Amino acid sequence: MASGSNEKVRDEKLAELQRYVLSQGYFVPLEQIIQRIYLQSPRLRGVTFDGLSVPNYYDAWLADGK
Protein backbone atom coordinates (compact mmCIF):
# COMPACT_ATOMS: atom_id res chain seq x y z
CA MET A 1 0.00 0.00 0.00
CA ALA A 2 1.35 3.41 -0.93
CA SER A 3 0.62 6.60 0.88
CA GLY A 4 1.98 10.12 0.90
CA SER A 5 1.95 12.89 3.41
CA ASN A 6 1.52 15.65 0.86
CA GLU A 7 0.32 16.23 -2.68
CA LYS A 8 3.80 16.08 -4.24
CA VAL A 9 4.54 12.67 -2.74
CA ARG A 10 1.11 11.36 -3.82
CA ASP A 11 1.68 12.66 -7.37
CA GLU A 12 5.03 10.86 -7.51
CA LYS A 13 3.43 7.62 -6.30
CA LEU A 14 0.64 7.97 -8.86
CA ALA A 15 3.17 8.53 -11.66
CA GLU A 16 5.07 5.44 -10.53
CA LEU A 17 1.89 3.38 -10.54
CA GLN A 18 0.94 4.65 -14.02
CA ARG A 19 4.39 3.71 -15.37
CA TYR A 20 4.02 0.23 -13.85
CA VAL A 21 0.59 -0.33 -15.37
CA LEU A 22 1.77 0.84 -18.79
CA SER A 23 4.91 -1.31 -18.61
CA GLN A 24 2.76 -4.38 -17.91
CA GLY A 25 0.76 -3.76 -21.07
CA TYR A 26 -2.55 -3.35 -19.28
CA PHE A 27 -5.11 -1.34 -21.20
CA VAL A 28 -8.79 -0.62 -21.45
CA PRO A 29 -10.09 -1.29 -24.97
CA LEU A 30 -11.98 1.62 -26.46
CA GLU A 31 -13.89 -0.53 -28.91
CA GLN A 32 -14.64 -4.17 -29.40
CA ILE A 33 -13.92 -5.83 -32.73
CA ILE A 34 -15.75 -9.10 -33.18
CA GLN A 35 -15.40 -11.54 -36.04
CA ARG A 36 -17.67 -14.55 -36.13
CA ILE A 37 -18.42 -17.20 -38.71
CA TYR A 38 -21.82 -18.86 -38.63
CA LEU A 39 -22.75 -21.95 -40.60
CA GLN A 40 -26.41 -22.61 -41.06
CA SER A 41 -28.82 -24.20 -43.47
CA PRO A 42 -29.67 -22.18 -46.59
CA ARG A 43 -33.29 -23.05 -45.77
CA LEU A 44 -33.15 -21.02 -42.55
CA ARG A 45 -35.15 -17.80 -42.82
CA GLY A 46 -35.91 -14.92 -40.47
CA VAL A 47 -32.55 -14.73 -38.71
CA THR A 48 -31.75 -11.23 -37.46
CA PHE A 49 -28.52 -9.86 -36.01
CA ASP A 50 -28.01 -7.48 -33.11
CA GLY A 51 -25.47 -4.65 -32.94
CA LEU A 52 -22.63 -7.06 -32.13
CA SER A 53 -23.43 -9.38 -35.05
CA VAL A 54 -24.87 -12.04 -32.77
CA PRO A 55 -27.65 -13.93 -34.56
CA ASN A 56 -31.12 -13.96 -33.10
CA TYR A 57 -33.02 -17.12 -33.97
CA TYR A 58 -36.17 -16.26 -32.01
CA ASP A 59 -38.34 -15.73 -35.09
CA ALA A 60 -36.42 -17.97 -37.48
CA TRP A 61 -38.01 -20.82 -39.40
CA LEU A 62 -37.04 -23.46 -41.93
CA ALA A 63 -38.34 -22.87 -45.43
CA ASP A 64 -39.57 -25.67 -47.66
CA GLY A 65 -36.73 -27.69 -49.17
CA LYS A 66 -37.76 -26.90 -52.75
PDB file of N, CA and C in Angstrom:
ATOM      1  N   MET A   1       0.845  -1.175   0.000  1.00  0.00           N
ATOM      2  CA  MET A   1       0.000   0.000   0.000  1.00  0.00           C
ATOM      3  C   MET A   1       0.890   1.238   0.000  1.00  0.00           C
ATOM      4  N   ALA A   2       0.557   2.187  -0.832  1.00  0.00           N
ATOM      5  CA  ALA A   2       1.351   3.414  -0.927  1.00  0.00           C
ATOM      6  C   ALA A   2       0.555   4.559  -0.331  1.00  0.00           C
ATOM      7  N   SER A   3       1.262   5.415   0.335  1.00  0.00           N
ATOM      8  CA  SER A   3       0.616   6.603   0.879  1.00  0.00           C
ATOM      9  C   SER A   3       1.615   7.753   0.830  1.00  0.00           C
ATOM     10  N   GLY A   4       1.108   8.949   0.912  1.00  0.00           N
ATOM     11  CA  GLY A   4       1.976  10.121   0.896  1.00  0.00           C
ATOM     12  C   GLY A   4       1.442  11.175   1.830  1.00  0.00           C
ATOM     13  N   SER A   5       2.360  11.897   2.418  1.00  0.00           N
ATOM     14  CA  SER A   5       1.948  12.893   3.411  1.00  0.00           C
ATOM     15  C   SER A   5       1.550  14.223   2.778  1.00  0.00           C
ATOM     16  N   ASN A   6       1.923  14.401   1.519  1.00  0.00           N
ATOM     17  CA  ASN A   6       1.522  15.654   0.858  1.00  0.00           C
ATOM     18  C   ASN A   6       1.235  15.378  -0.617  1.00  0.00           C
ATOM     19  N   GLU A   7       0.747  16.397  -1.294  1.00  0.00           N
ATOM     20  CA  GLU A   7       0.315  16.234  -2.681  1.00  0.00           C
ATOM     21  C   GLU A   7       1.475  15.849  -3.606  1.00  0.00           C
ATOM     22  N   LYS A   8       2.645  16.394  -3.395  1.00  0.00           N
ATOM     23  CA  LYS A   8       3.797  16.084  -4.243  1.00  0.00           C
ATOM     24  C   LYS A   8       4.174  14.600  -4.141  1.00  0.00           C
ATOM     25  N   VAL A   9       4.206  14.078  -2.938  1.00  0.00           N
ATOM     26  CA  VAL A   9       4.537  12.666  -2.741  1.00  0.00           C
ATOM     27  C   VAL A   9       3.463  11.779  -3.380  1.00  0.00           C
ATOM     28  N   ARG A  10       2.201  12.140  -3.210  1.00  0.00           N
ATOM     29  CA  ARG A  10       1.110  11.360  -3.816  1.00  0.00           C
ATOM     30  C   ARG A  10       1.205  11.398  -5.335  1.00  0.00           C
ATOM     31  N   ASP A  11       1.526  12.562  -5.920  1.00  0.00           N
ATOM     32  CA  ASP A  11       1.680  12.656  -7.370  1.00  0.00           C
ATOM     33  C   ASP A  11       2.807  11.759  -7.870  1.00  0.00           C
ATOM     34  N   GLU A  12       3.907  11.717  -7.123  1.00  0.00           N
ATOM     35  CA  GLU A  12       5.028  10.857  -7.511  1.00  0.00           C
ATOM     36  C   GLU A  12       4.629   9.385  -7.458  1.00  0.00           C
ATOM     37  N   LYS A  13       3.891   9.004  -6.419  1.00  0.00           N
ATOM     38  CA  LYS A  13       3.433   7.620  -6.297  1.00  0.00           C
ATOM     39  C   LYS A  13       2.467   7.262  -7.427  1.00  0.00           C
ATOM     40  N   LEU A  14       1.587   8.199  -7.770  1.00  0.00           N
ATOM     41  CA  LEU A  14       0.637   7.971  -8.858  1.00  0.00           C
ATOM     42  C   LEU A  14       1.378   7.811 -10.182  1.00  0.00           C
ATOM     43  N   ALA A  15       2.382   8.645 -10.429  1.00  0.00           N
ATOM     44  CA  ALA A  15       3.166   8.528 -11.662  1.00  0.00           C
ATOM     45  C   ALA A  15       3.881   7.182 -11.717  1.00  0.00           C
ATOM     46  N   GLU A  16       4.407   6.740 -10.595  1.00  0.00           N
ATOM     47  CA  GLU A  16       5.074   5.441 -10.527  1.00  0.00           C
ATOM     48  C   GLU A  16       4.097   4.313 -10.851  1.00  0.00           C
ATOM     49  N   LEU A  17       2.910   4.391 -10.282  1.00  0.00           N
ATOM     50  CA  LEU A  17       1.886   3.385 -10.541  1.00  0.00           C
ATOM     51  C   LEU A  17       1.481   3.388 -12.019  1.00  0.00           C
ATOM     52  N   GLN A  18       1.317   4.566 -12.608  1.00  0.00           N
ATOM     53  CA  GLN A  18       0.945   4.646 -14.020  1.00  0.00           C
ATOM     54  C   GLN A  18       2.031   4.037 -14.906  1.00  0.00           C
ATOM     55  N   ARG A  19       3.292   4.298 -14.590  1.00  0.00           N
ATOM     56  CA  ARG A  19       4.387   3.708 -15.365  1.00  0.00           C
ATOM     57  C   ARG A  19       4.364   2.181 -15.244  1.00  0.00           C
ATOM     58  N   TYR A  20       4.086   1.683 -14.049  1.00  0.00           N
ATOM     59  CA  TYR A  20       4.024   0.234 -13.846  1.00  0.00           C
ATOM     60  C   TYR A  20       2.903  -0.387 -14.680  1.00  0.00           C
ATOM     61  N   VAL A  21       1.728   0.208 -14.616  1.00  0.00           N
ATOM     62  CA  VAL A  21       0.590  -0.331 -15.366  1.00  0.00           C
ATOM     63  C   VAL A  21       0.894  -0.329 -16.860  1.00  0.00           C
ATOM     64  N   LEU A  22       1.443   0.770 -17.365  1.00  0.00           N
ATOM     65  CA  LEU A  22       1.768   0.841 -18.789  1.00  0.00           C
ATOM     66  C   LEU A  22       2.858  -0.148 -19.171  1.00  0.00           C
ATOM     67  N   SER A  23       3.832  -0.367 -18.295  1.00  0.00           N
ATOM     68  CA  SER A  23       4.909  -1.314 -18.608  1.00  0.00           C
ATOM     69  C   SER A  23       4.408  -2.752 -18.638  1.00  0.00           C
ATOM     70  N   GLN A  24       3.324  -3.039 -17.923  1.00  0.00           N
ATOM     71  CA  GLN A  24       2.755  -4.385 -17.913  1.00  0.00           C
ATOM     72  C   GLN A  24       1.853  -4.635 -19.111  1.00  0.00           C
ATOM     73  N   GLY A  25       1.590  -3.598 -19.872  1.00  0.00           N
ATOM     74  CA  GLY A  25       0.758  -3.762 -21.066  1.00  0.00           C
ATOM     75  C   GLY A  25      -0.725  -3.795 -20.770  1.00  0.00           C
ATOM     76  N   TYR A  26      -1.130  -3.392 -19.592  1.00  0.00           N
ATOM     77  CA  TYR A  26      -2.555  -3.353 -19.282  1.00  0.00           C
ATOM     78  C   TYR A  26      -3.196  -2.197 -20.042  1.00  0.00           C
ATOM     79  N   PHE A  27      -4.407  -2.406 -20.499  1.00  0.00           N
ATOM     80  CA  PHE A  27      -5.107  -1.340 -21.204  1.00  0.00           C
ATOM     81  C   PHE A  27      -6.607  -1.568 -21.089  1.00  0.00           C
ATOM     82  N   VAL A  28      -7.340  -0.543 -21.393  1.00  0.00           N
ATOM     83  CA  VAL A  28      -8.789  -0.616 -21.449  1.00  0.00           C
ATOM     84  C   VAL A  28      -9.176  -0.422 -22.904  1.00  0.00           C
ATOM     85  N   PRO A  29      -9.750  -1.442 -23.555  1.00  0.00           N
ATOM     86  CA  PRO A  29     -10.093  -1.287 -24.971  1.00  0.00           C
ATOM     87  C   PRO A  29     -11.177  -0.224 -25.157  1.00  0.00           C
ATOM     88  N   LEU A  30     -11.021   0.570 -26.184  1.00  0.00           N
ATOM     89  CA  LEU A  30     -11.985   1.618 -26.463  1.00  0.00           C
ATOM     90  C   LEU A  30     -13.110   1.134 -27.365  1.00  0.00           C
ATOM     91  N   GLU A  31     -12.858   0.059 -28.084  1.00  0.00           N
ATOM     92  CA  GLU A  31     -13.891  -0.527 -28.914  1.00  0.00           C
ATOM     93  C   GLU A  31     -13.680  -2.029 -28.967  1.00  0.00           C
ATOM     94  N   GLN A  32     -14.710  -2.719 -29.351  1.00  0.00           N
ATOM     95  CA  GLN A  32     -14.644  -4.166 -29.402  1.00  0.00           C
ATOM     96  C   GLN A  32     -14.817  -4.603 -30.848  1.00  0.00           C
ATOM     97  N   ILE A  33     -13.845  -5.331 -31.363  1.00  0.00           N
ATOM     98  CA  ILE A  33     -13.923  -5.828 -32.729  1.00  0.00           C
ATOM     99  C   ILE A  33     -14.207  -7.322 -32.653  1.00  0.00           C
ATOM    100  N   ILE A  34     -15.314  -7.707 -33.256  1.00  0.00           N
ATOM    101  CA  ILE A  34     -15.747  -9.096 -33.181  1.00  0.00           C
ATOM    102  C   ILE A  34     -15.826  -9.661 -34.589  1.00  0.00           C
ATOM    103  N   GLN A  35     -15.263 -10.829 -34.780  1.00  0.00           N
ATOM    104  CA  GLN A  35     -15.404 -11.541 -36.038  1.00  0.00           C
ATOM    105  C   GLN A  35     -15.960 -12.920 -35.718  1.00  0.00           C
ATOM    106  N   ARG A  36     -17.050 -13.247 -36.359  1.00  0.00           N
ATOM    107  CA  ARG A  36     -17.675 -14.548 -36.135  1.00  0.00           C
ATOM    108  C   ARG A  36     -18.027 -15.167 -37.480  1.00  0.00           C
ATOM    109  N   ILE A  37     -17.987 -16.466 -37.525  1.00  0.00           N
ATOM    110  CA  ILE A  37     -18.417 -17.200 -38.710  1.00  0.00           C
ATOM    111  C   ILE A  37     -19.546 -18.118 -38.268  1.00  0.00           C
ATOM    112  N   TYR A  38     -20.675 -18.013 -38.950  1.00  0.00           N
ATOM    113  CA  TYR A  38     -21.822 -18.860 -38.631  1.00  0.00           C
ATOM    114  C   TYR A  38     -22.129 -19.745 -39.831  1.00  0.00           C
ATOM    115  N   LEU A  39     -22.333 -21.017 -39.574  1.00  0.00           N
ATOM    116  CA  LEU A  39     -22.749 -21.954 -40.602  1.00  0.00           C
ATOM    117  C   LEU A  39     -24.171 -22.379 -40.283  1.00  0.00           C
ATOM    118  N   GLN A  40     -25.017 -22.238 -41.276  1.00  0.00           N
ATOM    119  CA  GLN A  40     -26.409 -22.608 -41.058  1.00  0.00           C
ATOM    120  C   GLN A  40     -27.018 -23.042 -42.387  1.00  0.00           C
ATOM    121  N   SER A  41     -28.136 -23.685 -42.290  1.00  0.00           N
ATOM    122  CA  SER A  41     -28.818 -24.199 -43.468  1.00  0.00           C
ATOM    123  C   SER A  41     -29.274 -23.050 -44.370  1.00  0.00           C
ATOM    124  N   PRO A  42     -29.145 -23.211 -45.684  1.00  0.00           N
ATOM    125  CA  PRO A  42     -29.668 -22.184 -46.589  1.00  0.00           C
ATOM    126  C   PRO A  42     -31.195 -22.090 -46.540  1.00  0.00           C
ATOM    127  N   ARG A  43     -31.838 -23.078 -45.924  1.00  0.00           N
ATOM    128  CA  ARG A  43     -33.293 -23.055 -45.767  1.00  0.00           C
ATOM    129  C   ARG A  43     -33.738 -22.179 -44.593  1.00  0.00           C
ATOM    130  N   LEU A  44     -32.802 -21.795 -43.743  1.00  0.00           N
ATOM    131  CA  LEU A  44     -33.146 -21.021 -42.554  1.00  0.00           C
ATOM    132  C   LEU A  44     -33.516 -19.595 -42.954  1.00  0.00           C
ATOM    133  N   ARG A  45     -34.662 -19.146 -42.501  1.00  0.00           N
ATOM    134  CA  ARG A  45     -35.155 -17.804 -42.823  1.00  0.00           C
ATOM    135  C   ARG A  45     -35.487 -17.063 -41.534  1.00  0.00           C
ATOM    136  N   GLY A  46     -35.476 -15.736 -41.593  1.00  0.00           N
ATOM    137  CA  GLY A  46     -35.912 -14.919 -40.466  1.00  0.00           C
ATOM    138  C   GLY A  46     -34.866 -14.675 -39.395  1.00  0.00           C
ATOM    139  N   VAL A  47     -33.608 -14.981 -39.691  1.00  0.00           N
ATOM    140  CA  VAL A  47     -32.548 -14.726 -38.714  1.00  0.00           C
ATOM    141  C   VAL A  47     -32.225 -13.237 -38.732  1.00  0.00           C
ATOM    142  N   THR A  48     -32.150 -12.633 -37.572  1.00  0.00           N
ATOM    143  CA  THR A  48     -31.745 -11.233 -37.465  1.00  0.00           C
ATOM    144  C   THR A  48     -30.466 -11.166 -36.641  1.00  0.00           C
ATOM    145  N   PHE A  49     -29.780 -10.032 -36.732  1.00  0.00           N
ATOM    146  CA  PHE A  49     -28.520  -9.856 -36.014  1.00  0.00           C
ATOM    147  C   PHE A  49     -28.597  -8.595 -35.168  1.00  0.00           C
ATOM    148  N   ASP A  50     -28.018  -8.658 -33.971  1.00  0.00           N
ATOM    149  CA  ASP A  50     -28.009  -7.481 -33.105  1.00  0.00           C
ATOM    150  C   ASP A  50     -26.797  -6.609 -33.449  1.00  0.00           C
ATOM    151  N   GLY A  51     -26.542  -5.589 -32.667  1.00  0.00           N
ATOM    152  CA  GLY A  51     -25.469  -4.646 -32.937  1.00  0.00           C
ATOM    153  C   GLY A  51     -24.079  -5.235 -32.853  1.00  0.00           C
ATOM    154  N   LEU A  52     -23.932  -6.401 -32.226  1.00  0.00           N
ATOM    155  CA  LEU A  52     -22.626  -7.060 -32.128  1.00  0.00           C
ATOM    156  C   LEU A  52     -22.507  -8.239 -33.081  1.00  0.00           C
ATOM    157  N   SER A  53     -23.411  -8.312 -34.041  1.00  0.00           N
ATOM    158  CA  SER A  53     -23.435  -9.384 -35.046  1.00  0.00           C
ATOM    159  C   SER A  53     -23.740 -10.751 -34.454  1.00  0.00           C
ATOM    160  N   VAL A  54     -24.436 -10.775 -33.356  1.00  0.00           N
ATOM    161  CA  VAL A  54     -24.866 -12.044 -32.766  1.00  0.00           C
ATOM    162  C   VAL A  54     -26.223 -12.389 -33.366  1.00  0.00           C
ATOM    163  N   PRO A  55     -26.366 -13.590 -33.930  1.00  0.00           N
ATOM    164  CA  PRO A  55     -27.646 -13.927 -34.558  1.00  0.00           C
ATOM    165  C   PRO A  55     -28.743 -14.149 -33.525  1.00  0.00           C
ATOM    166  N   ASN A  56     -29.925 -13.727 -33.909  1.00  0.00           N
ATOM    167  CA  ASN A  56     -31.120 -13.963 -33.101  1.00  0.00           C
ATOM    168  C   ASN A  56     -32.003 -14.928 -33.882  1.00  0.00           C
ATOM    169  N   TYR A  57     -32.233 -16.093 -33.311  1.00  0.00           N
ATOM    170  CA  TYR A  57     -33.022 -17.122 -33.970  1.00  0.00           C
ATOM    171  C   TYR A  57     -34.455 -17.195 -33.418  1.00  0.00           C
ATOM    172  N   TYR A  58     -34.867 -16.207 -32.671  1.00  0.00           N
ATOM    173  CA  TYR A  58     -36.171 -16.258 -32.008  1.00  0.00           C
ATOM    174  C   TYR A  58     -37.322 -16.396 -32.991  1.00  0.00           C
ATOM    175  N   ASP A  59     -37.263 -15.682 -34.100  1.00  0.00           N
ATOM    176  CA  ASP A  59     -38.342 -15.726 -35.086  1.00  0.00           C
ATOM    177  C   ASP A  59     -37.956 -16.482 -36.346  1.00  0.00           C
ATOM    178  N   ALA A  60     -36.890 -17.263 -36.294  1.00  0.00           N
ATOM    179  CA  ALA A  60     -36.416 -17.971 -37.477  1.00  0.00           C
ATOM    180  C   ALA A  60     -37.263 -19.210 -37.744  1.00  0.00           C
ATOM    181  N   TRP A  61     -37.278 -19.624 -38.994  1.00  0.00           N
ATOM    182  CA  TRP A  61     -38.011 -20.823 -39.397  1.00  0.00           C
ATOM    183  C   TRP A  61     -37.270 -21.486 -40.559  1.00  0.00           C
ATOM    184  N   LEU A  62     -37.593 -22.756 -40.802  1.00  0.00           N
ATOM    185  CA  LEU A  62     -37.039 -23.465 -41.928  1.00  0.00           C
ATOM    186  C   LEU A  62     -38.013 -23.390 -43.095  1.00  0.00           C
ATOM    187  N   ALA A  63     -37.518 -22.940 -44.225  1.00  0.00           N
ATOM    188  CA  ALA A  63     -38.341 -22.867 -45.428  1.00  0.00           C
ATOM    189  C   ALA A  63     -38.454 -24.254 -46.060  1.00  0.00           C
ATOM    190  N   ASP A  64     -39.421 -24.394 -46.951  1.00  0.00           N
ATOM    191  CA  ASP A  64     -39.566 -25.666 -47.662  1.00  0.00           C
ATOM    192  C   ASP A  64     -38.289 -25.966 -48.416  1.00  0.00           C
ATOM    193  N   GLY A  65     -37.974 -27.255 -48.536  1.00  0.00           N
ATOM    194  CA  GLY A  65     -36.732 -27.687 -49.168  1.00  0.00           C
ATOM    195  C   GLY A  65     -36.775 -27.693 -50.671  1.00  0.00           C
ATOM    196  N   LYS A  66     -37.615 -26.907 -51.287  1.00  0.00           N
ATOM    197  CA  LYS A  66     -37.756 -26.901 -52.747  1.00  0.00           C
ATOM    198  C   LYS A  66     -36.778 -25.972 -53.395  1.00  0.00           C
TER     199      LYS A  66
END
